[in-house]
Amino acid sequence: MVERDKAILDQRDVDIHKQNYSRLMQLLSLVMAALSTLMSLVLLIMRARMDLIIYVISTIIVLFILFFVFRTNHVTAGYHGLVYLTCLNCLIGNTLIGWRSGIYILFLLLIPIIFYNPIINKIHKLISSVFFGLVFLSTIVLSFLIEPILRFTIFQLQFMNSINVIVTFVVLAGIALIEIRNSNKVSMRLIEVNNKLAYHASRDSLTNLLNRRTMNQYIQMEYTRSKRSGKPFGLIMADVDDFKRVNDNHGHAAGDLVLIELAGLLSATLRKQDSIARWGGEEFLILLPETDFEGVQIAAEKVRDLIAQSSIPYQAHDIQITLSIGGVVCEREANWDDCIKIADRALYYGKTHGKNLAVFAKGDQYCILGYSDSGSTE
C-alpha cells in the first residue's frame, strides 16, 4: 500500500515536471516569436532585402506552430523543433548580418531548453549538447571567414544587439524564477510524501491505530515527561474475549471487521490526548497521559461497559464482543516496561476470573472495577 502510494506520487511529480517544462517552452516560443516580429519590423524600416524579411516571417509562423505543439503536450517533438530552429536561425542570422548584431547570444537560450528537459535521458542530452556546441563553434568560425552579406550601420547593429541581449537576459531570468518556484513545489511534495510515508509506517494497516513500535516511542516520551513533571500516566491493556470464536463462526473477514469497528469505538470514546495502539492480534494498548489512579479506573470501566453494550452488524448477524481489561498507573519511579507487564497480568487475571472484566493492578494486588454477568456472547 505504501509502495503503491509512493509510486503514484512519484509519477505525479514526473507529470508536474513535464507540464512545467511544457509551459516553459510555450513561453519561450512566444518570446522568440515576439523577438522575430520585432526584428522583421526593424528590417522593414531599414529597407532590408525582401527574401530576408520573408525568412523572418516564416520563422515566426514556425514558432507559433511550435507553441501549439507544446500546448498539445507533444513535448519531445516541440523540443527537437525548437532546438533545430534556434540553431538554424542563429547560424544563418549571424552569417547574414554579422556577429555585431548579437544574434549568436540567442544560443544561450538552448542551455535551459536542453538541460531542464524531463523527457529525454542523459545520453540524449549529451548528443543535443554536442550538436549545440558544434553549431555554436561553426557560427563563430563563419563570422571570421565570411563577411556579412547584409550591410547595416553601426547604430542599427548596436540596436539589434541590445534587443537580443535584453530579451535573452529577461528570458533566462524568467526561466530561473520559474525553476525556483517549481523547485519549491517539488520540495513541498517531498515533504508531503515523507510525512505520508512516516504516517503509514507508524500505523497498523488494518485498524489504522498506532502500531507497537510507535506506541513504545509514545510511552517513552510520556515517561520522560512524567519524570520531569512528577505527574503519573496510565496504561490500559485490552483484549477481545473469545475472539477465535468470532473467526470460527463467521470467518476471518468478520474478525477483521470486529477489530476495525472496535478501533473506531475506542477512538471515539477516549480523550484526544490519549493514544491507542494495536498491540498484537486482538490486543490493544491505551496510553493515558497525565492520568492518576481514579482517571485510569474511570477510563477502563467506561471502555469495558461501552463495548459490552455494543454490537457489530455482519451479514444479517449482530456480533457481540466483550473486553478483558487490565489497567495500571505508571508513577515517576516506575519503569514503563514493567508497567505494561503489570497491566498484562491484570488483563490475564480478568480472563481467568470470568472475562468481561476491568481489573486495576497495583503491584500484586488486583481490584475488579466492572463486571458483566452476561460474559462473552455473540
Protein backbone atom coordinates (compact mmCIF):
# COMPACT_ATOMS: atom_id res chain seq x y z
CA MET A 1 0.00 0.00 0.00
CA VAL A 2 2.76 2.43 0.96
CA GLU A 3 4.88 1.49 -2.08
CA ARG A 4 1.89 1.96 -4.38
CA ASP A 5 1.15 5.41 -2.90
CA LYS A 6 4.81 6.34 -3.31
CA ALA A 7 4.80 5.21 -6.95
CA ILE A 8 1.65 7.24 -7.63
CA LEU A 9 3.18 10.33 -6.03
CA ASP A 10 6.43 9.85 -7.97
CA GLN A 11 4.52 9.59 -11.26
CA ARG A 12 2.55 12.68 -10.29
CA ASP A 13 5.80 14.58 -9.73
CA VAL A 14 7.05 13.50 -13.18
CA ASP A 15 3.80 14.69 -14.76
CA ILE A 16 4.04 18.02 -12.94
CA HIS A 17 7.65 18.45 -14.09
CA LYS A 18 6.61 17.68 -17.67
CA GLN A 19 3.74 20.19 -17.51
CA ASN A 20 6.04 22.87 -16.10
CA TYR A 21 8.57 22.27 -18.87
CA SER A 22 5.80 22.40 -21.49
CA ARG A 23 4.57 25.75 -20.14
CA LEU A 24 8.16 27.00 -20.08
CA MET A 25 8.64 26.07 -23.74
CA GLN A 26 5.35 27.69 -24.69
CA LEU A 27 6.51 30.91 -23.08
CA LEU A 28 9.88 30.67 -24.80
CA SER A 29 8.26 30.09 -28.21
CA LEU A 30 6.09 33.17 -27.77
CA VAL A 31 9.03 35.29 -26.66
CA MET A 32 11.11 34.20 -29.65
CA ALA A 33 8.14 34.84 -31.95
CA ALA A 34 7.78 38.33 -30.47
CA LEU A 35 11.51 38.93 -30.94
CA SER A 36 11.33 37.76 -34.56
CA THR A 37 8.33 40.04 -35.15
CA LEU A 38 10.28 42.98 -33.78
CA MET A 39 13.22 42.00 -35.98
CA SER A 40 11.01 41.90 -39.06
CA LEU A 41 9.74 45.42 -38.30
CA VAL A 42 13.31 46.64 -37.90
CA LEU A 43 14.22 45.07 -41.25
CA LEU A 44 11.24 46.73 -42.90
CA ILE A 45 12.22 50.11 -41.50
CA MET A 46 15.80 49.55 -42.67
CA ARG A 47 14.52 48.55 -46.16
CA ALA A 48 16.24 45.18 -45.99
CA ARG A 49 16.01 42.58 -48.74
CA MET A 50 12.56 41.07 -49.14
CA ASP A 51 13.85 37.49 -49.06
CA LEU A 52 15.33 38.12 -45.59
CA ILE A 53 12.04 39.57 -44.34
CA ILE A 54 10.15 36.57 -45.74
CA TYR A 55 12.57 34.25 -43.94
CA VAL A 56 11.96 36.03 -40.62
CA ILE A 57 8.17 35.89 -41.14
CA SER A 58 8.37 32.16 -41.88
CA THR A 59 10.34 31.75 -38.65
CA ILE A 60 7.54 33.50 -36.76
CA ILE A 61 5.00 31.08 -38.26
CA VAL A 62 7.13 28.06 -37.28
CA LEU A 63 7.47 29.40 -33.71
CA PHE A 64 3.70 29.71 -33.38
CA ILE A 65 3.35 26.15 -34.67
CA LEU A 66 5.84 25.01 -32.03
CA PHE A 67 3.82 26.87 -29.40
CA PHE A 68 0.74 24.80 -30.25
CA VAL A 69 2.86 21.63 -30.40
CA PHE A 70 3.95 22.22 -26.79
CA ARG A 71 0.42 23.20 -25.82
CA THR A 72 -0.89 19.83 -27.00
CA ASN A 73 1.77 18.09 -24.84
CA HIS A 74 3.91 16.87 -27.74
CA VAL A 75 6.96 17.91 -25.74
CA THR A 76 9.57 15.74 -27.49
CA ALA A 77 8.62 16.90 -31.00
CA GLY A 78 8.45 20.52 -29.86
CA TYR A 79 11.83 20.21 -28.15
CA HIS A 80 13.60 18.98 -31.29
CA GLY A 81 11.89 21.58 -33.45
CA LEU A 82 12.82 24.45 -31.13
CA VAL A 83 16.47 23.34 -30.79
CA TYR A 84 16.99 22.92 -34.52
CA LEU A 85 15.16 26.15 -35.38
CA THR A 86 17.19 28.16 -32.87
CA CYS A 87 20.46 26.72 -34.16
CA LEU A 88 19.47 27.38 -37.78
CA ASN A 89 18.34 30.96 -37.11
CA CYS A 90 21.48 31.81 -35.16
CA LEU A 91 23.73 30.24 -37.80
CA ILE A 92 22.03 31.93 -40.75
CA GLY A 93 21.37 35.24 -38.99
CA ASN A 94 24.92 35.58 -37.72
CA THR A 95 26.25 34.80 -41.22
CA LEU A 96 23.93 37.27 -42.98
CA ILE A 97 24.16 40.19 -40.57
CA GLY A 98 27.37 39.52 -38.63
CA TRP A 99 28.29 38.91 -35.02
CA ARG A 100 27.79 42.59 -34.10
CA SER A 101 24.03 42.06 -34.34
CA GLY A 102 24.16 39.81 -31.25
CA ILE A 103 22.07 37.07 -32.83
CA TYR A 104 24.52 34.45 -31.55
CA ILE A 105 23.52 35.42 -27.98
CA LEU A 106 20.23 33.60 -28.56
CA PHE A 107 22.26 30.37 -28.40
CA LEU A 108 22.24 30.79 -24.61
CA LEU A 109 18.51 30.02 -24.62
CA LEU A 110 19.31 26.46 -25.66
CA ILE A 111 21.04 25.74 -22.34
CA PRO A 112 17.85 25.59 -20.21
CA ILE A 113 15.93 24.06 -23.15
CA ILE A 114 18.30 21.09 -23.18
CA PHE A 115 19.16 20.57 -19.53
CA TYR A 116 15.72 21.25 -17.99
CA ASN A 117 14.02 18.75 -20.30
CA PRO A 118 12.49 15.97 -18.12
CA ILE A 119 11.61 13.74 -21.07
CA ILE A 120 14.96 12.91 -22.65
CA ASN A 121 17.64 10.81 -20.95
CA LYS A 122 21.25 11.76 -20.20
CA ILE A 123 22.63 10.32 -23.45
CA HIS A 124 20.10 12.27 -25.49
CA LYS A 125 21.02 15.43 -23.59
CA LEU A 126 24.69 14.77 -24.28
CA ILE A 127 24.03 14.36 -28.02
CA SER A 128 21.97 17.57 -28.06
CA SER A 129 24.73 19.39 -26.20
CA VAL A 130 27.38 18.21 -28.68
CA PHE A 131 25.17 19.29 -31.59
CA PHE A 132 24.59 22.67 -29.94
CA GLY A 133 28.32 23.11 -29.30
CA LEU A 134 29.24 22.28 -32.91
CA VAL A 135 26.72 24.74 -34.32
CA PHE A 136 27.90 27.42 -31.91
CA LEU A 137 31.55 26.89 -32.90
CA SER A 138 30.57 26.87 -36.58
CA THR A 139 28.82 30.20 -36.09
CA ILE A 140 31.96 31.72 -34.53
CA VAL A 141 34.23 30.34 -37.27
CA LEU A 142 31.95 31.58 -40.07
CA SER A 143 31.84 35.06 -38.52
CA PHE A 144 35.63 35.22 -39.07
CA LEU A 145 35.70 33.64 -42.51
CA ILE A 146 32.69 35.25 -44.18
CA GLU A 147 31.93 38.93 -44.41
CA PRO A 148 28.32 39.84 -43.52
CA ILE A 149 26.12 39.58 -46.60
CA LEU A 150 23.79 42.37 -45.45
CA ARG A 151 25.23 45.73 -44.55
CA PHE A 152 23.86 47.80 -41.66
CA THR A 153 25.06 50.89 -39.87
CA ILE A 154 26.82 50.69 -36.53
CA PHE A 155 23.73 52.15 -34.85
CA GLN A 156 21.44 49.57 -36.46
CA LEU A 157 23.71 46.70 -35.47
CA GLN A 158 24.01 48.04 -31.93
CA PHE A 159 20.23 48.38 -31.73
CA MET A 160 19.72 44.74 -32.79
CA ASN A 161 22.46 43.64 -30.40
CA SER A 162 20.76 45.45 -27.50
CA ILE A 163 17.42 43.83 -28.29
CA ASN A 164 18.95 40.33 -28.39
CA VAL A 165 20.88 40.86 -25.15
CA ILE A 166 17.85 42.26 -23.27
CA VAL A 167 15.49 39.55 -24.49
CA THR A 168 17.97 36.76 -23.70
CA PHE A 169 18.59 38.18 -20.21
CA VAL A 170 14.87 38.54 -19.47
CA VAL A 171 14.07 35.03 -20.73
CA LEU A 172 16.89 33.40 -18.74
CA ALA A 173 15.90 35.35 -15.62
CA GLY A 174 12.28 34.26 -16.10
CA ILE A 175 13.32 30.63 -16.55
CA ALA A 176 15.40 30.84 -13.36
CA LEU A 177 12.44 32.25 -11.40
CA ILE A 178 10.11 29.59 -12.77
CA GLU A 179 12.57 26.84 -11.86
CA ILE A 180 12.95 28.24 -8.33
CA ARG A 181 9.18 28.17 -7.93
CA ASN A 182 8.98 24.65 -9.35
CA SER A 183 11.80 23.51 -7.04
CA ASN A 184 9.83 24.85 -4.07
CA LYS A 185 6.80 22.90 -5.24
CA VAL A 186 8.89 19.75 -5.55
CA SER A 187 10.30 20.32 -2.05
CA MET A 188 6.78 20.65 -0.68
CA ARG A 189 5.80 17.46 -2.49
CA LEU A 190 8.77 15.62 -0.97
CA ILE A 191 7.78 16.84 2.49
CA GLU A 192 4.21 15.68 1.83
CA VAL A 193 5.40 12.26 0.64
CA ASN A 194 7.76 11.85 3.62
CA ASN A 195 5.00 12.82 6.05
CA LYS A 196 2.62 10.35 4.42
CA LEU A 197 5.20 7.58 4.49
CA ALA A 198 6.01 8.34 8.13
CA TYR A 199 2.29 8.26 8.97
CA HIS A 200 1.78 4.87 7.29
CA ALA A 201 4.93 3.50 8.91
CA SER A 202 3.54 4.40 12.35
CA ARG A 203 0.09 2.81 11.79
CA ASP A 204 -1.41 -0.64 11.87
CA SER A 205 -2.52 -1.49 8.34
CA LEU A 206 -5.89 -2.95 9.38
CA THR A 207 -7.20 -0.68 12.13
CA ASN A 208 -5.18 2.49 11.34
CA LEU A 209 -4.28 2.67 15.03
CA LEU A 210 -0.70 3.17 16.16
CA ASN A 211 1.49 0.12 15.76
CA ARG A 212 3.51 -1.41 18.58
CA ARG A 213 6.83 0.23 17.68
CA THR A 214 5.32 3.72 17.56
CA MET A 215 3.40 3.20 20.79
CA ASN A 216 6.66 2.31 22.53
CA GLN A 217 8.05 5.65 21.37
CA TYR A 218 4.96 7.49 22.64
CA ILE A 219 5.22 5.79 26.03
CA GLN A 220 8.91 6.61 26.28
CA MET A 221 8.17 10.29 25.59
CA GLU A 222 5.37 10.31 28.16
CA TYR A 223 7.64 8.56 30.66
CA THR A 224 10.31 11.25 30.18
CA ARG A 225 7.69 13.99 30.57
CA SER A 226 6.30 12.27 33.66
CA LYS A 227 9.72 12.15 35.33
CA ARG A 228 10.18 15.83 34.66
CA SER A 229 6.71 16.97 35.78
CA GLY A 230 6.09 14.37 38.50
CA LYS A 231 2.64 13.60 37.05
CA PRO A 232 1.82 9.88 36.56
CA PHE A 233 0.31 8.38 33.42
CA GLY A 234 -1.95 5.41 32.88
CA LEU A 235 -1.79 2.31 30.71
CA ILE A 236 -4.73 0.10 29.76
CA MET A 237 -4.29 -3.28 28.14
CA ALA A 238 -7.47 -4.63 26.48
CA ASP A 239 -8.08 -7.98 24.78
CA VAL A 240 -11.15 -9.25 22.92
CA ASP A 241 -12.74 -12.19 24.74
CA ASP A 242 -13.12 -15.41 22.74
CA PHE A 243 -12.01 -13.75 19.51
CA LYS A 244 -11.26 -17.15 17.95
CA ARG A 245 -14.95 -17.99 18.21
CA VAL A 246 -15.78 -14.98 16.02
CA ASN A 247 -13.37 -16.17 13.32
CA ASP A 248 -14.60 -19.76 13.56
CA ASN A 249 -18.31 -18.89 13.42
CA HIS A 250 -18.28 -16.01 10.92
CA GLY A 251 -14.93 -16.13 9.12
CA HIS A 252 -11.79 -14.04 9.22
CA ALA A 253 -13.45 -11.17 7.33
CA ALA A 254 -15.84 -10.81 10.27
CA GLY A 255 -12.88 -10.88 12.65
CA ASP A 256 -11.19 -8.09 10.73
CA LEU A 257 -14.42 -6.08 10.78
CA VAL A 258 -14.68 -6.54 14.56
CA LEU A 259 -11.16 -5.18 15.05
CA ILE A 260 -11.81 -2.22 12.76
CA GLU A 261 -15.09 -1.33 14.48
CA LEU A 262 -13.51 -1.81 17.89
CA ALA A 263 -10.72 0.59 16.94
CA GLY A 264 -13.33 3.17 15.92
CA LEU A 265 -15.25 2.77 19.20
CA LEU A 266 -12.10 3.16 21.28
CA SER A 267 -11.02 6.26 19.36
CA ALA A 268 -14.45 7.85 19.76
CA THR A 269 -14.65 7.06 23.50
CA LEU A 270 -11.27 8.19 24.77
CA ARG A 271 -9.82 11.69 25.00
CA LYS A 272 -8.00 13.36 22.11
CA GLN A 273 -4.72 13.29 24.02
CA ASP A 274 -4.98 9.54 24.65
CA SER A 275 -3.12 7.19 22.29
CA ILE A 276 -4.35 3.77 21.15
CA ALA A 277 -2.27 1.03 19.58
CA ARG A 278 -2.99 -2.40 18.21
CA TRP A 279 -0.54 -4.25 20.40
CA GLY A 280 -0.87 -7.57 18.62
CA GLY A 281 -3.66 -9.74 17.24
CA GLU A 282 -6.83 -8.78 19.11
CA GLU A 283 -4.95 -6.97 21.89
CA PHE A 284 -4.91 -3.18 22.30
CA LEU A 285 -2.84 -0.85 24.47
CA ILE A 286 -4.07 2.58 25.55
CA LEU A 287 -1.83 5.38 26.85
CA LEU A 288 -3.48 7.93 29.16
CA PRO A 289 -1.14 10.94 29.64
CA GLU A 290 -1.16 12.73 33.00
CA THR A 291 -3.77 10.39 34.47
CA ASP A 292 -3.99 9.27 38.11
CA PHE A 293 -5.49 6.14 39.69
CA GLU A 294 -9.07 7.40 39.57
CA GLY A 295 -8.72 8.52 35.95
CA VAL A 296 -7.43 5.12 34.81
CA GLN A 297 -10.24 3.33 36.65
CA ILE A 298 -12.91 5.56 35.06
CA ALA A 299 -11.44 5.14 31.55
CA ALA A 300 -11.04 1.37 31.88
CA GLU A 301 -14.62 0.81 33.11
CA LYS A 302 -16.01 3.23 30.52
CA VAL A 303 -14.33 1.30 27.70
CA ARG A 304 -15.41 -2.09 29.04
CA ASP A 305 -19.02 -1.06 29.53
CA LEU A 306 -19.31 0.60 26.11
CA ILE A 307 -18.00 -2.46 24.24
CA ALA A 308 -20.20 -4.84 26.27
CA GLN A 309 -23.30 -2.85 25.26
CA SER A 310 -22.35 -2.52 21.59
CA SER A 311 -22.91 -4.94 18.71
CA ILE A 312 -21.32 -5.15 15.27
CA PRO A 313 -23.60 -6.00 12.33
CA TYR A 314 -22.21 -8.51 9.85
CA GLN A 315 -24.23 -10.31 7.14
CA ALA A 316 -27.57 -10.22 8.95
CA HIS A 317 -25.91 -11.12 12.26
CA ASP A 318 -25.11 -8.91 15.24
CA ILE A 319 -21.73 -9.86 16.64
CA GLN A 320 -21.38 -9.00 20.30
CA ILE A 321 -17.99 -8.90 21.93
CA THR A 322 -16.58 -8.10 25.34
CA LEU A 323 -13.19 -6.99 26.54
CA SER A 324 -10.97 -8.11 29.36
CA ILE A 325 -9.06 -5.06 30.56
CA GLY A 326 -6.02 -4.53 32.74
CA GLY A 327 -5.22 -1.02 33.98
CA VAL A 328 -2.19 0.41 35.76
CA VAL A 329 -0.75 3.77 36.75
CA CYS A 330 2.90 4.33 35.91
CA GLU A 331 4.39 6.65 38.52
CA ARG A 332 7.62 8.59 38.49
CA GLU A 333 9.83 5.89 39.99
CA ALA A 334 8.32 3.03 37.95
CA ASN A 335 9.75 1.56 34.75
CA TRP A 336 7.22 1.85 31.92
CA ASP A 337 8.10 -1.57 30.50
CA ASP A 338 7.30 -3.11 33.90
CA CYS A 339 4.01 -1.17 33.94
CA ILE A 340 3.00 -2.82 30.66
CA LYS A 341 3.75 -6.24 32.13
CA ILE A 342 1.68 -5.42 35.24
CA ALA A 343 -1.27 -4.29 33.06
CA ASP A 344 -0.94 -7.52 31.06
CA ARG A 345 -1.04 -9.60 34.24
CA ALA A 346 -4.15 -7.70 35.37
CA LEU A 347 -5.76 -8.48 31.99
CA TYR A 348 -4.90 -12.15 32.41
CA TYR A 349 -6.42 -12.06 35.88
CA GLY A 350 -9.65 -10.80 34.33
CA LYS A 351 -9.53 -13.54 31.68
CA THR A 352 -9.25 -16.25 34.33
CA HIS A 353 -11.97 -14.81 36.56
CA GLY A 354 -14.93 -14.65 34.19
CA LYS A 355 -13.89 -12.29 31.34
CA ASN A 356 -15.67 -9.02 30.52
CA LEU A 357 -13.82 -7.53 33.46
CA ALA A 358 -11.91 -4.30 34.02
CA VAL A 359 -9.17 -5.02 36.53
CA PHE A 360 -6.92 -2.40 38.10
CA ALA A 361 -3.48 -3.51 39.28
CA LYS A 362 -1.16 -2.02 41.84
CA GLY A 363 1.81 -4.25 42.38
CA ASP A 364 0.48 -7.75 43.04
CA GLN A 365 -2.93 -6.53 44.18
CA TYR A 366 -5.91 -6.53 41.79
CA CYS A 367 -9.17 -4.62 42.02
CA ILE A 368 -12.11 -5.56 39.79
CA LEU A 369 -13.63 -2.32 38.51
CA GLY A 370 -16.51 -3.69 36.45
CA TYR A 371 -18.27 -6.95 35.82
CA SER A 372 -20.95 -8.20 33.45
CA ASP A 373 -22.89 -11.37 34.20
CA SER A 374 -23.53 -11.96 30.51
CA GLY A 375 -19.93 -12.95 29.85
CA SER A 376 -18.82 -13.16 26.23
CA THR A 377 -21.66 -13.75 23.80
CA GLU A 378 -22.35 -13.47 20.14
